[in-house]
Amino acid sequence: MPRERVREETSARQAPADCERNLHPARPRTREARALLGRITGDG
């Protein structure tokens, strides 16, 4: 089970990074989206 949890946590952290790659920096809400993704993952 611990191995599965580590895999899930890694996936949960990778998903926002994948999403961020699709955000164009010139979009007006990119900063807010990044802040939200940081709060979701606990990295912000």
PDB file of N, CA and C in Angstrom:
ATOM      1  N   MET A   1       0.800  -1.207   0.000  1.00  0.00           N
ATOM      2  CA  MET A   1       0.000   0.000   0.000  1.00  0.00           C
ATOM      3  C   MET A   1       0.846   1.277   0.000  1.00  0.00           C
ATOM      4  N   PRO A   2       1.920   1.359   0.784  1.00  0.00           N
ATOM      5  CA  PRO A   2       2.693   2.611   0.779  1.00  0.00           C
ATOM      6  C   PRO A   2       3.232   2.963  -0.606  1.00  0.00           C
ATOM      7  N   ARG A   3       3.611   1.967  -1.363  1.00  0.00           N
ATOM      8  CA  ARG A   3       4.131   2.213  -2.706  1.00  0.00           C
ATOM      9  C   ARG A   3       3.048   2.843  -3.584  1.00  0.00           C
ATOM     10  N   GLU A   4       1.833   2.356  -3.432  1.00  0.00           N
ATOM     11  CA  GLU A   4       0.707   2.890  -4.197  1.00  0.00           C
ATOM     12  C   GLU A   4       0.434   4.344  -3.808  1.00  0.00           C
ATOM     13  N   ARG A   5       0.539   4.651  -2.527  1.00  0.00           N
ATOM     14  CA  ARG A   5       0.308   6.021  -2.062  1.00  0.00           C
ATOM     15  C   ARG A   5       1.361   6.968  -2.631  1.00  0.00           C
ATOM     16  N   VAL A   6       2.596   6.534  -2.647  1.00  0.00           N
ATOM     17  CA  VAL A   6       3.664   7.364  -3.207  1.00  0.00           C
ATOM     18  C   VAL A   6       3.389   7.632  -4.676  1.00  0.00           C
ATOM     19  N   ARG A   7       2.951   6.624  -5.396  1.00  0.00           N
ATOM     20  CA  ARG A   7       2.627   6.780  -6.814  1.00  0.00           C
ATOM     21  C   ARG A   7       1.476   7.774  -6.998  1.00  0.00           C
ATOM     22  N   GLU A   8       0.466   7.689  -6.139  1.00  0.00           N
ATOM     23  CA  GLU A   8      -0.672   8.604  -6.227  1.00  0.00           C
ATOM     24  C   GLU A   8      -0.256  10.041  -5.907  1.00  0.00           C
ATOM     25  N   GLU A   9       0.585  10.213  -4.887  1.00  0.00           N
ATOM     26  CA  GLU A   9       1.059  11.548  -4.534  1.00  0.00           C
ATOM     27  C   GLU A   9       1.893  12.143  -5.665  1.00  0.00           C
ATOM     28  N   THR A  10       2.720  11.325  -6.265  1.00  0.00           N
ATOM     29  CA  THR A  10       3.533  11.787  -7.388  1.00  0.00           C
ATOM     30  C   THR A  10       2.641  12.211  -8.545  1.00  0.00           C
ATOM     31  N   SER A  11       1.637  11.424  -8.814  1.00  0.00           N
ATOM     32  CA  SER A  11       0.698  11.750  -9.882  1.00  0.00           C
ATOM     33  C   SER A  11      -0.057  13.044  -9.573  1.00  0.00           C
ATOM     34  N   ALA A  12      -0.460  13.218  -8.330  1.00  0.00           N
ATOM     35  CA  ALA A  12      -1.188  14.426  -7.930  1.00  0.00           C
ATOM     36  C   ALA A  12      -0.316  15.669  -8.069  1.00  0.00           C
ATOM     37  N   ARG A  13       0.958  15.542  -7.827  1.00  0.00           N
ATOM     38  CA  ARG A  13       1.871  16.686  -7.983  1.00  0.00           C
ATOM     39  C   ARG A  13       2.210  16.941  -9.451  1.00  0.00           C
ATOM     40  N   GLN A  14       2.224  15.893 -10.247  1.00  0.00           N
ATOM     41  CA  GLN A  14       2.566  16.032 -11.662  1.00  0.00           C
ATOM     42  C   GLN A  14       1.421  16.649 -12.462  1.00  0.00           C
ATOM     43  N   ALA A  15       0.192  16.362 -12.088  1.00  0.00           N
ATOM     44  CA  ALA A  15      -0.966  16.862 -12.838  1.00  0.00           C
ATOM     45  C   ALA A  15      -0.978  18.386 -12.941  1.00  0.00           C
ATOM     46  N   PRO A  16      -0.772  19.122 -11.851  1.00  0.00           N
ATOM     47  CA  PRO A  16      -0.744  20.582 -11.980  1.00  0.00           C
ATOM     48  C   PRO A  16       0.398  21.069 -12.878  1.00  0.00           C
ATOM     49  N   ALA A  17       1.538  20.413 -12.815  1.00  0.00           N
ATOM     50  CA  ALA A  17       2.656  20.802 -13.673  1.00  0.00           C
ATOM     51  C   ALA A  17       2.288  20.596 -15.140  1.00  0.00           C
ATOM     52  N   ASP A  18       1.616  19.493 -15.429  1.00  0.00           N
ATOM     53  CA  ASP A  18       1.173  19.242 -16.800  1.00  0.00           C
ATOM     54  C   ASP A  18       0.181  20.313 -17.243  1.00  0.00           C
ATOM     55  N   CYS A  19      -0.718  20.673 -16.350  1.00  0.00           N
ATOM     56  CA  CYS A  19      -1.711  21.701 -16.652  1.00  0.00           C
ATOM     57  C   CYS A  19      -1.020  23.049 -16.884  1.00  0.00           C
ATOM     58  N   GLU A  20      -0.046  23.357 -16.036  1.00  0.00           N
ATOM     59  CA  GLU A  20       0.650  24.638 -16.135  1.00  0.00           C
ATOM     60  C   GLU A  20       1.347  24.796 -17.486  1.00  0.00           C
ATOM     61  N   ARG A  21       1.830  23.712 -18.042  1.00  0.00           N
ATOM     62  CA  ARG A  21       2.490  23.774 -19.350  1.00  0.00           C
ATOM     63  C   ARG A  21       1.547  24.272 -20.430  1.00  0.00           C
ATOM     64  N   ASN A  22       0.252  24.069 -20.229  1.00  0.00           N
ATOM     65  CA  ASN A  22      -0.732  24.488 -21.220  1.00  0.00           C
ATOM     66  C   ASN A  22      -1.237  25.907 -21.003  1.00  0.00           C
ATOM     67  N   LEU A  23      -0.825  26.544 -19.927  1.00  0.00           N
ATOM     68  CA  LEU A  23      -1.264  27.911 -19.648  1.00  0.00           C
ATOM     69  C   LEU A  23      -0.319  28.896 -20.327  1.00  0.00           C
ATOM     70  N   HIS A  24      -0.852  29.737 -21.155  1.00  0.00           N
ATOM     71  CA  HIS A  24      -0.030  30.750 -21.803  1.00  0.00           C
ATOM     72  C   HIS A  24       0.229  31.867 -20.794  1.00  0.00           C
ATOM     73  N   PRO A  25       1.489  32.287 -20.624  1.00  0.00           N
ATOM     74  CA  PRO A  25       1.810  33.295 -19.613  1.00  0.00           C
ATOM     75  C   PRO A  25       1.092  34.631 -19.810  1.00  0.00           C
ATOM     76  N   ALA A  26       0.656  34.931 -21.011  1.00  0.00           N
ATOM     77  CA  ALA A  26      -0.009  36.204 -21.277  1.00  0.00           C
ATOM     78  C   ALA A  26      -1.492  36.175 -20.886  1.00  0.00           C
ATOM     79  N   ARG A  27      -2.016  35.006 -20.588  1.00  0.00           N
ATOM     80  CA  ARG A  27      -3.433  34.931 -20.195  1.00  0.00           C
ATOM     81  C   ARG A  27      -3.616  35.659 -18.875  1.00  0.00           C
ATOM     82  N   PRO A  28      -4.685  36.398 -18.725  1.00  0.00           N
ATOM     83  CA  PRO A  28      -4.866  37.223 -17.539  1.00  0.00           C
ATOM     84  C   PRO A  28      -5.009  36.450 -16.222  1.00  0.00           C
ATOM     85  N   ARG A  29      -5.452  35.218 -16.254  1.00  0.00           N
ATOM     86  CA  ARG A  29      -5.681  34.493 -15.004  1.00  0.00           C
ATOM     87  C   ARG A  29      -4.628  33.422 -14.735  1.00  0.00           C
ATOM     88  N   THR A  30      -3.528  33.446 -15.478  1.00  0.00           N
ATOM     89  CA  THR A  30      -2.496  32.434 -15.287  1.00  0.00           C
ATOM     90  C   THR A  30      -1.935  32.476 -13.873  1.00  0.00           C
ATOM     91  N   ARG A  31      -1.671  33.661 -13.350  1.00  0.00           N
ATOM     92  CA  ARG A  31      -1.106  33.775 -11.999  1.00  0.00           C
ATOM     93  C   ARG A  31      -2.073  33.192 -10.970  1.00  0.00           C
ATOM     94  N   GLU A  32      -3.363  33.485 -11.112  1.00  0.00           N
ATOM     95  CA  GLU A  32      -4.347  32.948 -10.180  1.00  0.00           C
ATOM     96  C   GLU A  32      -4.431  31.431 -10.280  1.00  0.00           C
ATOM     97  N   ALA A  33      -4.361  30.912 -11.503  1.00  0.00           N
ATOM     98  CA  ALA A  33      -4.408  29.456 -11.693  1.00  0.00           C
ATOM     99  C   ALA A  33      -3.197  28.793 -11.051  1.00  0.00           C
ATOM    100  N   ARG A  34      -2.040  29.390 -11.209  1.00  0.00           N
ATOM    101  CA  ARG A  34      -0.832  28.824 -10.587  1.00  0.00           C
ATOM    102  C   ARG A  34      -0.934  28.848  -9.072  1.00  0.00           C
ATOM    103  N   ALA A  35      -1.482  29.931  -8.515  1.00  0.00           N
ATOM    104  CA  ALA A  35      -1.658  30.014  -7.062  1.00  0.00           C
ATOM    105  C   ALA A  35      -2.616  28.924  -6.578  1.00  0.00           C
ATOM    106  N   LEU A  36      -3.702  28.713  -7.320  1.00  0.00           N
ATOM    107  CA  LEU A  36      -4.657  27.668  -6.960  1.00  0.00           C
ATOM    108  C   LEU A  36      -4.003  26.294  -7.024  1.00  0.00           C
ATOM    109  N   LEU A  37      -3.264  26.017  -8.066  1.00  0.00           N
ATOM    110  CA  LEU A  37      -2.585  24.731  -8.191  1.00  0.00           C
ATOM    111  C   LEU A  37      -1.592  24.536  -7.050  1.00  0.00           C
ATOM    112  N   GLY A  38      -0.929  25.592  -6.638  1.00  0.00           N
ATOM    113  CA  GLY A  38      -0.005  25.513  -5.504  1.00  0.00           C
ATOM    114  C   GLY A  38      -0.724  25.184  -4.208  1.00  0.00           C
ATOM    115  N   ARG A  39      -1.896  25.783  -4.004  1.00  0.00           N
ATOM    116  CA  ARG A  39      -2.671  25.491  -2.800  1.00  0.00           C
ATOM    117  C   ARG A  39      -3.170  24.049  -2.800  1.00  0.00           C
ATOM    118  N   ILE A  40      -3.566  23.563  -3.968  1.00  0.00           N
ATOM    119  CA  ILE A  40      -4.066  22.189  -4.068  1.00  0.00           C
ATOM    120  C   ILE A  40      -2.969  21.182  -3.691  1.00  0.00           C
ATOM    121  N   THR A  41      -1.770  21.422  -4.180  1.00  0.00           N
ATOM    122  CA  THR A  41      -0.682  20.484  -3.937  1.00  0.00           C
ATOM    123  C   THR A  41       0.080  20.778  -2.660  1.00  0.00           C
ATOM    124  N   GLY A  42      -0.192  21.909  -2.029  1.00  0.00           N
ATOM    125  CA  GLY A  42       0.535  22.275  -0.808  1.00  0.00           C
ATOM    126  C   GLY A  42       1.903  22.858  -1.104  1.00  0.00           C
ATOM    127  N   ASP A  43       2.155  23.218  -2.360  1.00  0.00           N
ATOM    128  CA  ASP A  43       3.449  23.763  -2.740  1.00  0.00           C
ATOM    129  C   ASP A  43       3.426  25.289  -2.817  1.00  0.00           C
ATOM    130  N   GLY A  44       2.308  25.895  -2.515  1.00  0.00           N
ATOM    131  CA  GLY A  44       2.215  27.333  -2.719  1.00  0.00           C
ATOM    132  C   GLY A  44       1.930  28.121  -1.503  1.00  0.00           C
TER     133      GLY A  44
END
